[in-house]
C-alpha atoms as a PDB file:
ATOM      1  CA  UNK A   1       6.821 -21.386 -46.275  1.00  0.00           C
ATOM      2  CA  UNK A   2       4.276 -19.485 -44.230  1.00  0.00           C
ATOM      3  CA  UNK A   3       3.975 -18.887 -40.516  1.00  0.00           C
ATOM      4  CA  UNK A   4       1.292 -21.210 -39.146  1.00  0.00           C
ATOM      5  CA  UNK A   5      -0.955 -20.833 -36.115  1.00  0.00           C
ATOM      6  CA  UNK A   6       0.782 -23.439 -33.930  1.00  0.00           C
ATOM      7  CA  UNK A   7       4.111 -21.688 -34.493  1.00  0.00           C
ATOM      8  CA  UNK A   8       2.834 -18.205 -33.657  1.00  0.00           C
ATOM      9  CA  UNK A   9       0.877 -19.496 -30.651  1.00  0.00           C
ATOM     10  CA  UNK A  10       4.001 -21.154 -29.224  1.00  0.00           C
ATOM     11  CA  UNK A  11       6.107 -18.127 -30.051  1.00  0.00           C
ATOM     12  CA  UNK A  12       3.702 -15.921 -28.127  1.00  0.00           C
ATOM     13  CA  UNK A  13       3.134 -18.137 -25.084  1.00  0.00           C
ATOM     14  CA  UNK A  14       5.467 -21.127 -24.774  1.00  0.00           C
ATOM     15  CA  UNK A  15       7.972 -19.336 -22.530  1.00  0.00           C
ATOM     16  CA  UNK A  16       5.207 -18.487 -20.037  1.00  0.00           C
ATOM     17  CA  UNK A  17       5.257 -22.104 -18.872  1.00  0.00           C
ATOM     18  CA  UNK A  18       8.462 -21.304 -16.987  1.00  0.00           C
ATOM     19  CA  UNK A  19       6.747 -18.872 -14.624  1.00  0.00           C
ATOM     20  CA  UNK A  20       3.976 -21.385 -14.009  1.00  0.00           C
ATOM     21  CA  UNK A  21       6.496 -24.109 -13.154  1.00  0.00           C
ATOM     22  CA  UNK A  22       8.271 -21.766 -10.756  1.00  0.00           C
ATOM     23  CA  UNK A  23       5.083 -20.963  -8.818  1.00  0.00           C
ATOM     24  CA  UNK A  24       5.537 -24.043  -6.642  1.00  0.00           C
ATOM     25  CA  UNK A  25       9.326 -24.229  -6.798  1.00  0.00           C
ATOM     26  CA  UNK A  26      11.440 -23.150  -3.833  1.00  0.00           C
ATOM     27  CA  UNK A  27      14.156 -20.542  -4.271  1.00  0.00           C
ATOM     28  CA  UNK A  28      16.714 -23.144  -3.214  1.00  0.00           C
ATOM     29  CA  UNK A  29      15.468 -25.604  -5.846  1.00  0.00           C
ATOM     30  CA  UNK A  30      15.953 -22.950  -8.556  1.00  0.00           C
ATOM     31  CA  UNK A  31      19.714 -22.837  -7.963  1.00  0.00           C
ATOM     32  CA  UNK A  32      20.425 -26.504  -7.234  1.00  0.00           C
ATOM     33  CA  UNK A  33      22.585 -28.203  -9.845  1.00  0.00           C
ATOM     34  CA  UNK A  34      21.565 -31.824 -10.382  1.00  0.00           C
ATOM     35  CA  UNK A  35      25.242 -32.655 -10.942  1.00  0.00           C
ATOM     36  CA  UNK A  36      28.323 -30.412 -10.704  1.00  0.00           C
ATOM     37  CA  UNK A  37      28.617 -30.047 -14.487  1.00  0.00           C
ATOM     38  CA  UNK A  38      24.859 -29.666 -15.176  1.00  0.00           C
ATOM     39  CA  UNK A  39      22.794 -26.497 -15.206  1.00  0.00           C
ATOM     40  CA  UNK A  40      20.332 -25.470 -12.513  1.00  0.00           C
ATOM     41  CA  UNK A  41      16.862 -24.116 -13.277  1.00  0.00           C
ATOM     42  CA  UNK A  42      18.344 -20.620 -13.007  1.00  0.00           C
ATOM     43  CA  UNK A  43      21.124 -21.487 -15.460  1.00  0.00           C
ATOM     44  CA  UNK A  44      18.583 -22.809 -17.974  1.00  0.00           C
ATOM     45  CA  UNK A  45      16.554 -19.602 -17.675  1.00  0.00           C
ATOM     46  CA  UNK A  46      19.716 -17.509 -18.075  1.00  0.00           C
ATOM     47  CA  UNK A  47      20.545 -19.475 -21.214  1.00  0.00           C
ATOM     48  CA  UNK A  48      17.071 -18.936 -22.687  1.00  0.00           C
ATOM     49  CA  UNK A  49      17.176 -15.225 -21.854  1.00  0.00           C
ATOM     50  CA  UNK A  50      20.636 -14.873 -23.433  1.00  0.00           C
ATOM     51  CA  UNK A  51      19.758 -16.898 -26.500  1.00  0.00           C
ATOM     52  CA  UNK A  52      16.801 -14.706 -27.482  1.00  0.00           C
ATOM     53  CA  UNK A  53      19.025 -11.752 -28.534  1.00  0.00           C
ATOM     54  CA  UNK A  54      21.241 -14.233 -30.384  1.00  0.00           C
ATOM     55  CA  UNK A  55      18.185 -15.511 -32.252  1.00  0.00           C
ATOM     56  CA  UNK A  56      17.031 -11.945 -33.004  1.00  0.00           C
ATOM     57  CA  UNK A  57      20.479 -11.071 -34.358  1.00  0.00           C
ATOM     58  CA  UNK A  58      20.421 -14.153 -36.569  1.00  0.00           C
ATOM     59  CA  UNK A  59      17.019 -13.236 -37.981  1.00  0.00           C
ATOM     60  CA  UNK A  60      18.244  -9.670 -38.617  1.00  0.00           C
ATOM     61  CA  UNK A  61      21.271 -11.000 -40.480  1.00  0.00           C
ATOM     62  CA  UNK A  62      19.083 -13.334 -42.564  1.00  0.00           C
ATOM     63  CA  UNK A  63      16.926 -10.362 -43.520  1.00  0.00           C
ATOM     64  CA  UNK A  64      19.949  -8.229 -44.461  1.00  0.00           C
ATOM     65  CA  UNK A  65      22.408 -10.731 -45.943  1.00  0.00           C
ATOM     66  CA  UNK A  66      22.155 -13.473 -48.535  1.00  0.00           C
ATOM     67  CA  UNK A  67      22.340 -16.826 -46.756  1.00  0.00           C
ATOM     68  CA  UNK A  68      24.534 -15.922 -43.776  1.00  0.00           C
ATOM     69  CA  UNK A  69      26.295 -18.809 -42.043  1.00  0.00           C
ATOM     70  CA  UNK A  70      25.812 -19.507 -38.326  1.00  0.00           C
ATOM     71  CA  UNK A  71      27.857 -21.762 -36.132  1.00  0.00           C
ATOM     72  CA  UNK A  72      26.204 -23.678 -33.324  1.00  0.00           C
ATOM     73  CA  UNK A  73      25.549 -21.427 -30.327  1.00  0.00           C
ATOM     74  CA  UNK A  74      27.372 -22.600 -27.202  1.00  0.00           C
ATOM     75  CA  UNK A  75      26.475 -20.628 -24.078  1.00  0.00           C
ATOM     76  CA  UNK A  76      29.698 -21.478 -22.267  1.00  0.00           C
ATOM     77  CA  UNK A  77      31.673 -19.866 -25.100  1.00  0.00           C
ATOM     78  CA  UNK A  78      29.604 -16.671 -24.934  1.00  0.00           C
ATOM     79  CA  UNK A  79      31.277 -14.228 -22.517  1.00  0.00           C
ATOM     80  CA  UNK A  80      27.916 -12.500 -21.912  1.00  0.00           C
ATOM     81  CA  UNK A  81      26.341 -15.720 -20.630  1.00  0.00           C
ATOM     82  CA  UNK A  82      28.015 -15.307 -17.236  1.00  0.00           C
ATOM     83  CA  UNK A  83      26.511 -11.814 -16.973  1.00  0.00           C
ATOM     84  CA  UNK A  84      23.053 -13.318 -17.489  1.00  0.00           C
ATOM     85  CA  UNK A  85      23.756 -16.044 -14.938  1.00  0.00           C
ATOM     86  CA  UNK A  86      24.588 -13.320 -12.394  1.00  0.00           C
ATOM     87  CA  UNK A  87      21.127 -11.734 -12.731  1.00  0.00           C
ATOM     88  CA  UNK A  88      18.234 -12.618 -10.438  1.00  0.00           C
ATOM     89  CA  UNK A  89      15.786 -15.128 -11.859  1.00  0.00           C
ATOM     90  CA  UNK A  90      12.956 -12.559 -11.739  1.00  0.00           C
ATOM     91  CA  UNK A  91      15.001 -10.147 -13.846  1.00  0.00           C
ATOM     92  CA  UNK A  92      15.777 -12.904 -16.347  1.00  0.00           C
ATOM     93  CA  UNK A  93      12.085 -13.758 -16.651  1.00  0.00           C
ATOM     94  CA  UNK A  94      11.206 -10.109 -17.211  1.00  0.00           C
ATOM     95  CA  UNK A  95      13.905  -9.866 -19.899  1.00  0.00           C
ATOM     96  CA  UNK A  96      12.671 -13.093 -21.467  1.00  0.00           C
ATOM     97  CA  UNK A  97       9.146 -11.646 -21.709  1.00  0.00           C
ATOM     98  CA  UNK A  98      10.314  -8.294 -23.109  1.00  0.00           C
ATOM     99  CA  UNK A  99      12.581  -9.844 -25.730  1.00  0.00           C
ATOM    100  CA  UNK A 100       9.924 -12.388 -26.701  1.00  0.00           C
ATOM    101  CA  UNK A 101       7.425  -9.659 -27.476  1.00  0.00           C
ATOM    102  CA  UNK A 102       9.961  -8.105 -29.864  1.00  0.00           C
ATOM    103  CA  UNK A 103      10.648 -11.468 -31.524  1.00  0.00           C
ATOM    104  CA  UNK A 104       6.932 -12.213 -31.823  1.00  0.00           C
ATOM    105  CA  UNK A 105       6.210  -8.782 -33.305  1.00  0.00           C
ATOM    106  CA  UNK A 106       9.033  -9.192 -35.830  1.00  0.00           C
ATOM    107  CA  UNK A 107       8.219 -12.720 -36.993  1.00  0.00           C
ATOM    108  CA  UNK A 108       4.457 -12.162 -37.233  1.00  0.00           C
ATOM    109  CA  UNK A 109       4.839  -9.023 -39.353  1.00  0.00           C
ATOM    110  CA  UNK A 110       7.157 -10.470 -42.009  1.00  0.00           C
ATOM    111  CA  UNK A 111       5.693 -11.117 -45.436  1.00  0.00           C
ATOM    112  CA  UNK A 112       6.101 -14.479 -47.175  1.00  0.00           C
ATOM    113  CA  UNK A 113       9.110 -13.347 -49.206  1.00  0.00           C
ATOM    114  CA  UNK A 114      11.028 -12.357 -46.093  1.00  0.00           C
ATOM    115  CA  UNK A 115       9.877 -15.444 -44.162  1.00  0.00           C
ATOM    116  CA  UNK A 116      11.398 -17.540 -46.928  1.00  0.00           C
ATOM    117  CA  UNK A 117      14.838 -15.928 -46.684  1.00  0.00           C
ATOM    118  CA  UNK A 118      17.429 -18.416 -45.517  1.00  0.00           C
ATOM    119  CA  UNK A 119      20.393 -18.660 -43.221  1.00  0.00           C
ATOM    120  CA  UNK A 120      22.814 -21.566 -43.099  1.00  0.00           C
ATOM    121  CA  UNK A 121      23.167 -23.490 -39.831  1.00  0.00           C
ATOM    122  CA  UNK A 122      26.402 -25.441 -39.465  1.00  0.00           C
ATOM    123  CA  UNK A 123      24.566 -28.680 -38.596  1.00  0.00           C
ATOM    124  CA  UNK A 124      21.087 -28.286 -40.136  1.00  0.00           C
ATOM    125  CA  UNK A 125      21.945 -26.503 -43.369  1.00  0.00           C
ATOM    126  CA  UNK A 126      19.756 -23.965 -45.121  1.00  0.00           C
ATOM    127  CA  UNK A 127      16.748 -22.922 -43.038  1.00  0.00           C
ATOM    128  CA  UNK A 128      14.052 -20.387 -43.789  1.00  0.00           C
ATOM    129  CA  UNK A 129      13.092 -17.886 -41.100  1.00  0.00           C
ATOM    130  CA  UNK A 130      10.029 -20.053 -40.383  1.00  0.00           C
ATOM    131  CA  UNK A 131      12.302 -23.072 -39.895  1.00  0.00           C
ATOM    132  CA  UNK A 132      14.705 -21.042 -37.742  1.00  0.00           C
ATOM    133  CA  UNK A 133      11.729 -20.039 -35.589  1.00  0.00           C
ATOM    134  CA  UNK A 134      10.625 -23.667 -35.266  1.00  0.00           C
ATOM    135  CA  UNK A 135      14.182 -24.627 -34.297  1.00  0.00           C
ATOM    136  CA  UNK A 136      14.257 -21.787 -31.743  1.00  0.00           C
ATOM    137  CA  UNK A 137      10.988 -22.972 -30.166  1.00  0.00           C
ATOM    138  CA  UNK A 138      12.003 -26.624 -30.060  1.00  0.00           C
ATOM    139  CA  UNK A 139      15.288 -25.661 -28.407  1.00  0.00           C
ATOM    140  CA  UNK A 140      13.379 -23.593 -25.860  1.00  0.00           C
ATOM    141  CA  UNK A 141      10.900 -26.435 -25.244  1.00  0.00           C
ATOM    142  CA  UNK A 142      13.818 -28.752 -24.461  1.00  0.00           C
ATOM    143  CA  UNK A 143      15.026 -26.333 -21.777  1.00  0.00           C
ATOM    144  CA  UNK A 144      11.514 -25.827 -20.393  1.00  0.00           C
ATOM    145  CA  UNK A 145      11.216 -29.593 -20.032  1.00  0.00           C
ATOM    146  CA  UNK A 146      14.574 -29.621 -18.246  1.00  0.00           C
ATOM    147  CA  UNK A 147      13.300 -26.875 -15.914  1.00  0.00           C
ATOM    148  CA  UNK A 148      10.163 -28.942 -15.256  1.00  0.00           C
ATOM    149  CA  UNK A 149      12.224 -32.041 -14.462  1.00  0.00           C
ATOM    150  CA  UNK A 150      14.498 -30.113 -12.107  1.00  0.00           C
ATOM    151  CA  UNK A 151      11.537 -28.467 -10.370  1.00  0.00           C
ATOM    152  CA  UNK A 152       9.762 -31.735  -9.640  1.00  0.00           C
ATOM    153  CA  UNK A 153      12.606 -34.267  -9.349  1.00  0.00           C
ATOM    154  CA  UNK A 154      12.117 -35.950  -5.987  1.00  0.00           C
ATOM    155  CA  UNK A 155      15.765 -37.084  -5.959  1.00  0.00           C
ATOM    156  CA  UNK A 156      17.007 -33.495  -5.643  1.00  0.00           C
ATOM    157  CA  UNK A 157      17.191 -31.851  -2.216  1.00  0.00           C
ATOM    158  CA  UNK A 158      14.840 -28.996  -1.394  1.00  0.00           C
END
């Protein structure tokens, strides 16, 4: 399985939508939780920023080990997640951009043999690095959509 243009384009730029959404979003709106047990915009950004190193570590393990197994990532079970939540949104966005460049540079420089190495996801089974990258981007897109909804939801207070 080869890396395809739509995948690399999204890998390079998809996360930039967050900054665009935030351009017209008030600072108060960024931290409002829609419900007590739901994440705010800031929490979603913290999750995305924290998950990128997790994804990078998984790709590194796939490159070094034969079919490593990965459990589902749950932010609330990750003790470092709270450290990310404590950071300012601007710092999280900067970290997101820096880590994304590293991920992009890694994925786009792998040859076909390495792109076809696999890791086992508890729910989705054996995935190549290309499939892991697609999964990563779809997961991120879900959170970007959540950020969009929270930014423009007229039922939430300003």
